[in-house]
Amino acid sequence: MEKLRCLVPESVKRRVAESTADDLPSVSSSLVHLFLSLPEFHQVIGDLADPGPNPKRKAGLCCKNKEAALDLKQKGNQCYSTGDYSQALRCYSQALRVAPIDADDTGKNLVATLYLNRASLFHKMDLPMESLRDCSRALQISPCYPK
């Protein structure tokens, strides 16, 4: 991504910085045309979408991966139990980014479980608003989840 940012001409960067909400359609269109003309942009998109030769990567960088989410959840649980809350937060948050919304974890929705685990962590970290937010998200995903 940094490579792409370096390829944006200073005049375009200045235009973006000085733009207003009214300029958004025009500025966005200029950026799209610029990026579409750059081979580097197409390479980055290809890297994000293509799993490449690595057999452990079942999908590109943007795709969901239940196994990776379950591994991260387990690591988060281990960190939580040892009191490493900052690492547990990183693990749960990463797991939420890669977990498919319909993934199952021992009969329960994985994403709802991850939100509840993170809510419990936020509670331990004395962050009640964040905890409440994640509890609400879990209930939206799985209203009948008993936890």
N, C-alpha and C. Protein backbone atom coordinates (compact mmCIF):
# COMPACT_ATOMS: atom_id res chain seq x y z
N MET A 1 0.81 -1.19 0.00
CA MET A 1 0.00 0.00 0.00
C MET A 1 0.86 1.26 0.00
N GLU A 2 1.98 1.19 0.72
CA GLU A 2 2.87 2.34 0.77
C GLU A 2 3.41 2.66 -0.61
N LYS A 3 3.69 1.60 -1.40
CA LYS A 3 4.17 1.81 -2.77
C LYS A 3 3.16 2.64 -3.56
N LEU A 4 1.89 2.31 -3.39
CA LEU A 4 0.85 3.04 -4.12
C LEU A 4 0.80 4.50 -3.69
N ARG A 5 0.92 4.73 -2.41
CA ARG A 5 0.85 6.10 -1.92
C ARG A 5 2.00 6.94 -2.50
N CYS A 6 3.16 6.32 -2.63
CA CYS A 6 4.32 7.03 -3.19
C CYS A 6 4.13 7.37 -4.66
N LEU A 7 3.28 6.64 -5.34
CA LEU A 7 3.06 6.87 -6.77
C LEU A 7 2.04 7.97 -7.05
N VAL A 8 1.35 8.42 -6.01
CA VAL A 8 0.36 9.49 -6.19
C VAL A 8 1.11 10.81 -6.31
N PRO A 9 0.90 11.54 -7.40
CA PRO A 9 1.60 12.82 -7.59
C PRO A 9 1.23 13.82 -6.48
N GLU A 10 2.17 14.69 -6.18
CA GLU A 10 1.95 15.70 -5.14
C GLU A 10 0.73 16.57 -5.43
N SER A 11 0.50 16.85 -6.70
CA SER A 11 -0.66 17.69 -7.05
C SER A 11 -1.97 17.00 -6.67
N VAL A 12 -2.02 15.68 -6.83
CA VAL A 12 -3.23 14.94 -6.46
C VAL A 12 -3.35 14.88 -4.94
N LYS A 13 -2.25 14.64 -4.25
CA LYS A 13 -2.28 14.62 -2.79
C LYS A 13 -2.77 15.96 -2.24
N ARG A 14 -2.29 17.05 -2.85
CA ARG A 14 -2.70 18.38 -2.42
C ARG A 14 -4.19 18.58 -2.68
N ARG A 15 -4.65 18.10 -3.83
CA ARG A 15 -6.08 18.25 -4.16
C ARG A 15 -6.95 17.48 -3.16
N VAL A 16 -6.50 16.29 -2.78
CA VAL A 16 -7.24 15.50 -1.79
C VAL A 16 -7.25 16.23 -0.46
N ALA A 17 -6.11 16.74 -0.04
CA ALA A 17 -6.00 17.43 1.25
C ALA A 17 -6.87 18.67 1.32
N GLU A 18 -7.01 19.36 0.20
CA GLU A 18 -7.76 20.62 0.19
C GLU A 18 -9.23 20.44 -0.20
N SER A 19 -9.63 19.22 -0.47
CA SER A 19 -10.99 18.99 -0.96
C SER A 19 -12.03 19.12 0.16
N THR A 20 -13.24 19.39 -0.26
CA THR A 20 -14.39 19.47 0.65
C THR A 20 -15.33 18.31 0.33
N ALA A 21 -16.39 18.19 1.09
CA ALA A 21 -17.36 17.14 0.83
C ALA A 21 -17.97 17.28 -0.56
N ASP A 22 -18.13 18.51 -1.02
CA ASP A 22 -18.69 18.74 -2.36
C ASP A 22 -17.75 18.25 -3.46
N ASP A 23 -16.45 18.24 -3.17
CA ASP A 23 -15.45 17.80 -4.15
C ASP A 23 -15.29 16.29 -4.19
N LEU A 24 -15.88 15.58 -3.26
CA LEU A 24 -15.64 14.15 -3.12
C LEU A 24 -15.84 13.34 -4.40
N PRO A 25 -16.94 13.51 -5.13
CA PRO A 25 -17.10 12.71 -6.37
C PRO A 25 -15.98 12.95 -7.38
N SER A 26 -15.60 14.18 -7.56
CA SER A 26 -14.55 14.51 -8.53
C SER A 26 -13.19 13.99 -8.09
N VAL A 27 -12.85 14.19 -6.82
CA VAL A 27 -11.56 13.75 -6.30
C VAL A 27 -11.48 12.23 -6.32
N SER A 28 -12.55 11.57 -5.91
CA SER A 28 -12.57 10.10 -5.91
C SER A 28 -12.40 9.56 -7.32
N SER A 29 -13.08 10.17 -8.26
CA SER A 29 -12.97 9.75 -9.65
C SER A 29 -11.54 9.90 -10.16
N SER A 30 -10.88 10.99 -9.80
CA SER A 30 -9.49 11.20 -10.20
C SER A 30 -8.58 10.12 -9.63
N LEU A 31 -8.80 9.77 -8.37
CA LEU A 31 -7.98 8.73 -7.75
C LEU A 31 -8.21 7.37 -8.39
N VAL A 32 -9.46 7.06 -8.69
CA VAL A 32 -9.77 5.78 -9.34
C VAL A 32 -9.08 5.70 -10.69
N HIS A 33 -9.17 6.75 -11.49
CA HIS A 33 -8.52 6.74 -12.81
C HIS A 33 -7.01 6.60 -12.67
N LEU A 34 -6.44 7.28 -11.70
CA LEU A 34 -5.00 7.19 -11.48
C LEU A 34 -4.61 5.75 -11.12
N PHE A 35 -5.29 5.18 -10.13
CA PHE A 35 -4.94 3.83 -9.69
C PHE A 35 -5.15 2.79 -10.79
N LEU A 36 -6.23 2.93 -11.54
CA LEU A 36 -6.49 1.95 -12.60
C LEU A 36 -5.41 1.99 -13.69
N SER A 37 -4.72 3.09 -13.80
CA SER A 37 -3.66 3.20 -14.81
C SER A 37 -2.32 2.66 -14.31
N LEU A 38 -2.23 2.31 -13.04
CA LEU A 38 -0.96 1.87 -12.46
C LEU A 38 -0.88 0.34 -12.39
N PRO A 39 0.13 -0.27 -13.01
CA PRO A 39 0.31 -1.73 -12.89
C PRO A 39 0.50 -2.17 -11.43
N GLU A 40 1.11 -1.31 -10.62
CA GLU A 40 1.33 -1.64 -9.21
C GLU A 40 0.00 -1.82 -8.47
N PHE A 41 -0.99 -1.03 -8.84
CA PHE A 41 -2.31 -1.16 -8.22
C PHE A 41 -2.90 -2.53 -8.53
N HIS A 42 -2.80 -2.94 -9.78
CA HIS A 42 -3.34 -4.24 -10.18
C HIS A 42 -2.59 -5.38 -9.48
N GLN A 43 -1.30 -5.19 -9.23
CA GLN A 43 -0.52 -6.20 -8.50
C GLN A 43 -1.00 -6.32 -7.06
N VAL A 44 -1.24 -5.19 -6.41
CA VAL A 44 -1.71 -5.21 -5.02
C VAL A 44 -3.08 -5.88 -4.95
N ILE A 45 -3.96 -5.56 -5.86
CA ILE A 45 -5.30 -6.18 -5.87
C ILE A 45 -5.17 -7.68 -6.09
N GLY A 46 -4.30 -8.07 -7.00
CA GLY A 46 -4.07 -9.50 -7.24
C GLY A 46 -3.56 -10.20 -6.00
N ASP A 47 -2.63 -9.56 -5.29
CA ASP A 47 -2.09 -10.15 -4.06
C ASP A 47 -3.17 -10.29 -2.99
N LEU A 48 -4.07 -9.33 -2.93
CA LEU A 48 -5.14 -9.39 -1.93
C LEU A 48 -6.16 -10.49 -2.24
N ALA A 49 -6.38 -10.74 -3.51
CA ALA A 49 -7.43 -11.68 -3.91
C ALA A 49 -6.92 -13.09 -4.16
N ASP A 50 -5.63 -13.26 -4.44
CA ASP A 50 -5.10 -14.56 -4.84
C ASP A 50 -4.36 -15.23 -3.68
N PRO A 51 -4.66 -16.49 -3.40
CA PRO A 51 -3.98 -17.17 -2.31
C PRO A 51 -2.52 -17.48 -2.61
N GLY A 52 -2.15 -17.51 -3.88
CA GLY A 52 -0.76 -17.81 -4.24
C GLY A 52 -0.42 -19.26 -3.97
N PRO A 53 0.88 -19.59 -3.94
CA PRO A 53 1.30 -20.98 -3.83
C PRO A 53 1.25 -21.55 -2.41
N ASN A 54 1.03 -20.73 -1.41
CA ASN A 54 1.03 -21.20 -0.03
C ASN A 54 -0.20 -22.06 0.23
N PRO A 55 -0.04 -23.38 0.47
CA PRO A 55 -1.20 -24.26 0.67
C PRO A 55 -1.97 -23.98 1.95
N LYS A 56 -1.34 -23.34 2.93
CA LYS A 56 -2.06 -23.03 4.17
C LYS A 56 -3.03 -21.88 3.99
N ARG A 57 -2.76 -21.03 3.02
CA ARG A 57 -3.67 -19.92 2.73
C ARG A 57 -4.71 -20.42 1.76
N LYS A 58 -5.90 -20.63 2.25
CA LYS A 58 -6.97 -21.16 1.42
C LYS A 58 -7.60 -20.09 0.56
N ALA A 59 -7.35 -18.84 0.89
CA ALA A 59 -7.94 -17.74 0.13
C ALA A 59 -7.00 -16.55 0.19
N GLY A 60 -7.32 -15.53 -0.58
CA GLY A 60 -6.50 -14.32 -0.59
C GLY A 60 -6.56 -13.59 0.73
N LEU A 61 -5.79 -12.52 0.83
CA LEU A 61 -5.70 -11.79 2.08
C LEU A 61 -7.02 -11.21 2.54
N CYS A 62 -7.94 -10.94 1.63
CA CYS A 62 -9.21 -10.33 2.00
C CYS A 62 -10.28 -11.35 2.37
N CYS A 63 -10.00 -12.59 2.17
CA CYS A 63 -11.03 -13.62 2.38
C CYS A 63 -11.10 -14.05 3.83
N LYS A 64 -12.21 -14.63 4.17
CA LYS A 64 -12.44 -15.12 5.52
C LYS A 64 -11.85 -16.53 5.64
N ASN A 65 -11.45 -16.89 6.85
CA ASN A 65 -10.81 -18.17 7.08
C ASN A 65 -11.18 -18.65 8.48
N LYS A 66 -12.08 -19.63 8.54
CA LYS A 66 -12.56 -20.14 9.82
C LYS A 66 -11.43 -20.71 10.67
N GLU A 67 -10.54 -21.48 10.04
CA GLU A 67 -9.46 -22.11 10.80
C GLU A 67 -8.55 -21.06 11.45
N ALA A 68 -8.22 -20.03 10.69
CA ALA A 68 -7.38 -18.96 11.24
C ALA A 68 -8.10 -18.26 12.39
N ALA A 69 -9.41 -18.04 12.24
CA ALA A 69 -10.19 -17.39 13.29
C ALA A 69 -10.22 -18.26 14.55
N LEU A 70 -10.38 -19.56 14.38
CA LEU A 70 -10.39 -20.46 15.54
C LEU A 70 -9.03 -20.49 16.23
N ASP A 71 -7.96 -20.49 15.45
CA ASP A 71 -6.61 -20.44 16.04
C ASP A 71 -6.41 -19.16 16.83
N LEU A 72 -6.82 -18.03 16.25
CA LEU A 72 -6.68 -16.75 16.94
C LEU A 72 -7.55 -16.70 18.19
N LYS A 73 -8.73 -17.28 18.13
CA LYS A 73 -9.61 -17.33 19.30
C LYS A 73 -8.93 -18.11 20.42
N GLN A 74 -8.35 -19.26 20.07
CA GLN A 74 -7.66 -20.08 21.07
C GLN A 74 -6.49 -19.32 21.69
N LYS A 75 -5.71 -18.64 20.85
CA LYS A 75 -4.59 -17.84 21.37
C LYS A 75 -5.10 -16.73 22.28
N GLY A 76 -6.21 -16.10 21.86
CA GLY A 76 -6.81 -15.06 22.69
C GLY A 76 -7.26 -15.60 24.03
N ASN A 77 -7.85 -16.79 24.02
CA ASN A 77 -8.29 -17.42 25.27
C ASN A 77 -7.10 -17.70 26.19
N GLN A 78 -6.00 -18.18 25.60
CA GLN A 78 -4.79 -18.45 26.40
C GLN A 78 -4.25 -17.16 27.01
N CYS A 79 -4.18 -16.12 26.20
CA CYS A 79 -3.69 -14.83 26.71
C CYS A 79 -4.60 -14.28 27.79
N TYR A 80 -5.91 -14.42 27.60
CA TYR A 80 -6.89 -13.96 28.59
C TYR A 80 -6.65 -14.67 29.92
N SER A 81 -6.47 -16.00 29.85
CA SER A 81 -6.33 -16.77 31.09
C SER A 81 -5.02 -16.48 31.82
N THR A 82 -4.00 -16.02 31.09
CA THR A 82 -2.73 -15.67 31.74
C THR A 82 -2.64 -14.19 32.10
N GLY A 83 -3.68 -13.43 31.78
CA GLY A 83 -3.70 -12.01 32.14
C GLY A 83 -3.04 -11.09 31.13
N ASP A 84 -2.68 -11.62 29.97
CA ASP A 84 -2.08 -10.79 28.91
C ASP A 84 -3.22 -10.20 28.08
N TYR A 85 -3.89 -9.20 28.65
CA TYR A 85 -5.10 -8.67 28.04
C TYR A 85 -4.85 -7.94 26.72
N SER A 86 -3.74 -7.24 26.61
CA SER A 86 -3.50 -6.52 25.36
C SER A 86 -3.29 -7.50 24.20
N GLN A 87 -2.60 -8.60 24.44
CA GLN A 87 -2.41 -9.60 23.38
C GLN A 87 -3.73 -10.33 23.11
N ALA A 88 -4.51 -10.59 24.14
CA ALA A 88 -5.81 -11.23 23.94
C ALA A 88 -6.70 -10.34 23.08
N LEU A 89 -6.67 -9.04 23.33
CA LEU A 89 -7.45 -8.10 22.53
C LEU A 89 -7.03 -8.15 21.07
N ARG A 90 -5.72 -8.18 20.82
CA ARG A 90 -5.24 -8.28 19.44
C ARG A 90 -5.73 -9.56 18.78
N CYS A 91 -5.64 -10.67 19.49
CA CYS A 91 -6.06 -11.96 18.92
C CYS A 91 -7.55 -11.98 18.62
N TYR A 92 -8.38 -11.56 19.57
CA TYR A 92 -9.83 -11.56 19.33
C TYR A 92 -10.20 -10.62 18.18
N SER A 93 -9.57 -9.46 18.13
CA SER A 93 -9.88 -8.50 17.07
C SER A 93 -9.46 -9.03 15.71
N GLN A 94 -8.29 -9.67 15.63
CA GLN A 94 -7.86 -10.28 14.37
C GLN A 94 -8.80 -11.41 13.98
N ALA A 95 -9.20 -12.20 14.94
CA ALA A 95 -10.12 -13.31 14.66
C ALA A 95 -11.43 -12.78 14.10
N LEU A 96 -11.92 -11.68 14.64
CA LEU A 96 -13.16 -11.09 14.12
C LEU A 96 -13.00 -10.63 12.68
N ARG A 97 -11.81 -10.17 12.31
CA ARG A 97 -11.58 -9.73 10.93
C ARG A 97 -11.61 -10.88 9.94
N VAL A 98 -11.18 -12.07 10.36
CA VAL A 98 -11.09 -13.18 9.40
C VAL A 98 -12.21 -14.21 9.54
N ALA A 99 -13.01 -14.12 10.59
CA ALA A 99 -14.05 -15.13 10.82
C ALA A 99 -15.23 -14.94 9.87
N PRO A 100 -15.62 -16.01 9.17
CA PRO A 100 -16.84 -15.92 8.35
C PRO A 100 -18.05 -15.74 9.26
N ILE A 101 -18.98 -14.92 8.86
CA ILE A 101 -20.13 -14.58 9.71
C ILE A 101 -20.98 -15.81 10.03
N ASP A 102 -20.96 -16.81 9.16
CA ASP A 102 -21.79 -18.00 9.38
C ASP A 102 -21.01 -19.17 9.97
N ALA A 103 -19.77 -18.95 10.39
CA ALA A 103 -18.94 -20.04 10.92
C ALA A 103 -19.49 -20.53 12.25
N ASP A 104 -19.36 -21.83 12.46
CA ASP A 104 -19.85 -22.47 13.67
C ASP A 104 -18.66 -22.86 14.55
N ASP A 105 -18.82 -22.72 15.84
CA ASP A 105 -17.79 -23.13 16.79
C ASP A 105 -18.48 -23.92 17.89
N THR A 106 -18.35 -25.21 17.85
CA THR A 106 -19.00 -26.14 18.79
C THR A 106 -20.48 -25.81 19.00
N GLY A 107 -21.19 -25.67 17.91
CA GLY A 107 -22.63 -25.46 17.96
C GLY A 107 -23.07 -24.02 18.16
N LYS A 108 -22.13 -23.09 18.21
CA LYS A 108 -22.48 -21.68 18.40
C LYS A 108 -21.86 -20.86 17.28
N ASN A 109 -22.42 -19.70 17.04
CA ASN A 109 -21.88 -18.81 16.02
C ASN A 109 -20.51 -18.30 16.47
N LEU A 110 -19.49 -18.51 15.65
CA LEU A 110 -18.13 -18.12 16.00
C LEU A 110 -17.99 -16.62 16.21
N VAL A 111 -18.58 -15.83 15.33
CA VAL A 111 -18.44 -14.37 15.43
C VAL A 111 -19.10 -13.86 16.72
N ALA A 112 -20.27 -14.39 17.05
CA ALA A 112 -20.93 -13.99 18.29
C ALA A 112 -20.07 -14.36 19.49
N THR A 113 -19.47 -15.55 19.46
CA THR A 113 -18.59 -15.98 20.54
C THR A 113 -17.39 -15.05 20.68
N LEU A 114 -16.81 -14.68 19.54
CA LEU A 114 -15.65 -13.77 19.57
C LEU A 114 -16.02 -12.42 20.16
N TYR A 115 -17.19 -11.91 19.78
CA TYR A 115 -17.63 -10.63 20.34
C TYR A 115 -17.84 -10.74 21.85
N LEU A 116 -18.41 -11.86 22.30
CA LEU A 116 -18.62 -12.03 23.74
C LEU A 116 -17.30 -12.20 24.49
N ASN A 117 -16.36 -12.93 23.89
CA ASN A 117 -15.05 -13.05 24.52
C ASN A 117 -14.38 -11.69 24.65
N ARG A 118 -14.47 -10.90 23.58
CA ARG A 118 -13.85 -9.58 23.61
C ARG A 118 -14.60 -8.67 24.59
N ALA A 119 -15.92 -8.82 24.69
CA ALA A 119 -16.70 -8.03 25.66
C ALA A 119 -16.25 -8.35 27.08
N SER A 120 -16.04 -9.62 27.36
CA SER A 120 -15.56 -10.03 28.68
C SER A 120 -14.19 -9.43 28.96
N LEU A 121 -13.36 -9.43 27.95
CA LEU A 121 -12.02 -8.83 28.06
C LEU A 121 -12.12 -7.33 28.33
N PHE A 122 -12.97 -6.65 27.58
CA PHE A 122 -13.15 -5.21 27.80
C PHE A 122 -13.63 -4.94 29.23
N HIS A 123 -14.52 -5.80 29.73
CA HIS A 123 -15.00 -5.65 31.10
C HIS A 123 -13.84 -5.77 32.09
N LYS A 124 -12.98 -6.76 31.87
CA LYS A 124 -11.80 -6.95 32.73
C LYS A 124 -10.86 -5.75 32.66
N MET A 125 -10.82 -5.11 31.49
CA MET A 125 -9.94 -3.96 31.29
C MET A 125 -10.59 -2.65 31.75
N ASP A 126 -11.78 -2.76 32.38
CA ASP A 126 -12.54 -1.60 32.87
C ASP A 126 -12.91 -0.65 31.73
N LEU A 127 -13.40 -1.24 30.64
CA LEU A 127 -13.89 -0.48 29.49
C LEU A 127 -15.35 -0.86 29.24
N PRO A 128 -16.26 -0.35 30.09
CA PRO A 128 -17.65 -0.79 30.04
C PRO A 128 -18.38 -0.46 28.73
N MET A 129 -18.08 0.68 28.13
CA MET A 129 -18.79 1.04 26.89
C MET A 129 -18.40 0.10 25.76
N GLU A 130 -17.12 -0.23 25.67
CA GLU A 130 -16.66 -1.16 24.64
C GLU A 130 -17.25 -2.55 24.88
N SER A 131 -17.33 -2.94 26.15
CA SER A 131 -17.91 -4.23 26.51
C SER A 131 -19.39 -4.29 26.11
N LEU A 132 -20.12 -3.25 26.42
CA LEU A 132 -21.53 -3.18 26.06
C LEU A 132 -21.73 -3.21 24.55
N ARG A 133 -20.87 -2.50 23.83
CA ARG A 133 -20.96 -2.47 22.36
C ARG A 133 -20.78 -3.88 21.78
N ASP A 134 -19.78 -4.62 22.28
CA ASP A 134 -19.55 -5.97 21.76
C ASP A 134 -20.66 -6.93 22.17
N CYS A 135 -21.21 -6.76 23.36
CA CYS A 135 -22.36 -7.58 23.77
C CYS A 135 -23.54 -7.34 22.83
N SER A 136 -23.78 -6.09 22.50
CA SER A 136 -24.87 -5.75 21.57
C SER A 136 -24.63 -6.36 20.20
N ARG A 137 -23.39 -6.33 19.73
CA ARG A 137 -23.08 -6.93 18.43
C ARG A 137 -23.33 -8.43 18.45
N ALA A 138 -22.94 -9.08 19.54
CA ALA A 138 -23.15 -10.52 19.65
C ALA A 138 -24.64 -10.85 19.63
N LEU A 139 -25.43 -10.05 20.32
CA LEU A 139 -26.88 -10.28 20.34
C LEU A 139 -27.52 -10.04 18.98
N GLN A 140 -27.01 -9.07 18.23
CA GLN A 140 -27.53 -8.83 16.88
C GLN A 140 -27.27 -10.03 15.98
N ILE A 141 -26.11 -10.64 16.13
CA ILE A 141 -25.74 -11.77 15.29
C ILE A 141 -26.47 -13.03 15.71
N SER A 142 -26.57 -13.24 17.01
CA SER A 142 -27.16 -14.48 17.53
C SER A 142 -28.04 -14.16 18.73
N PRO A 143 -29.29 -13.72 18.48
CA PRO A 143 -30.17 -13.28 19.57
C PRO A 143 -30.47 -14.36 20.61
N CYS A 144 -30.39 -15.61 20.24
CA CYS A 144 -30.72 -16.70 21.17
C CYS A 144 -29.49 -17.30 21.84
N TYR A 145 -28.32 -16.72 21.62
CA TYR A 145 -27.09 -17.26 22.19
C TYR A 145 -27.18 -17.14 23.71
N PRO A 146 -27.07 -18.25 24.45
CA PRO A 146 -27.33 -18.22 25.89
C PRO A 146 -26.28 -17.51 26.73
N LYS A 147 -25.07 -17.39 26.25
CA LYS A 147 -24.00 -16.80 27.04
C LYS A 147 -24.28 -15.33 27.27
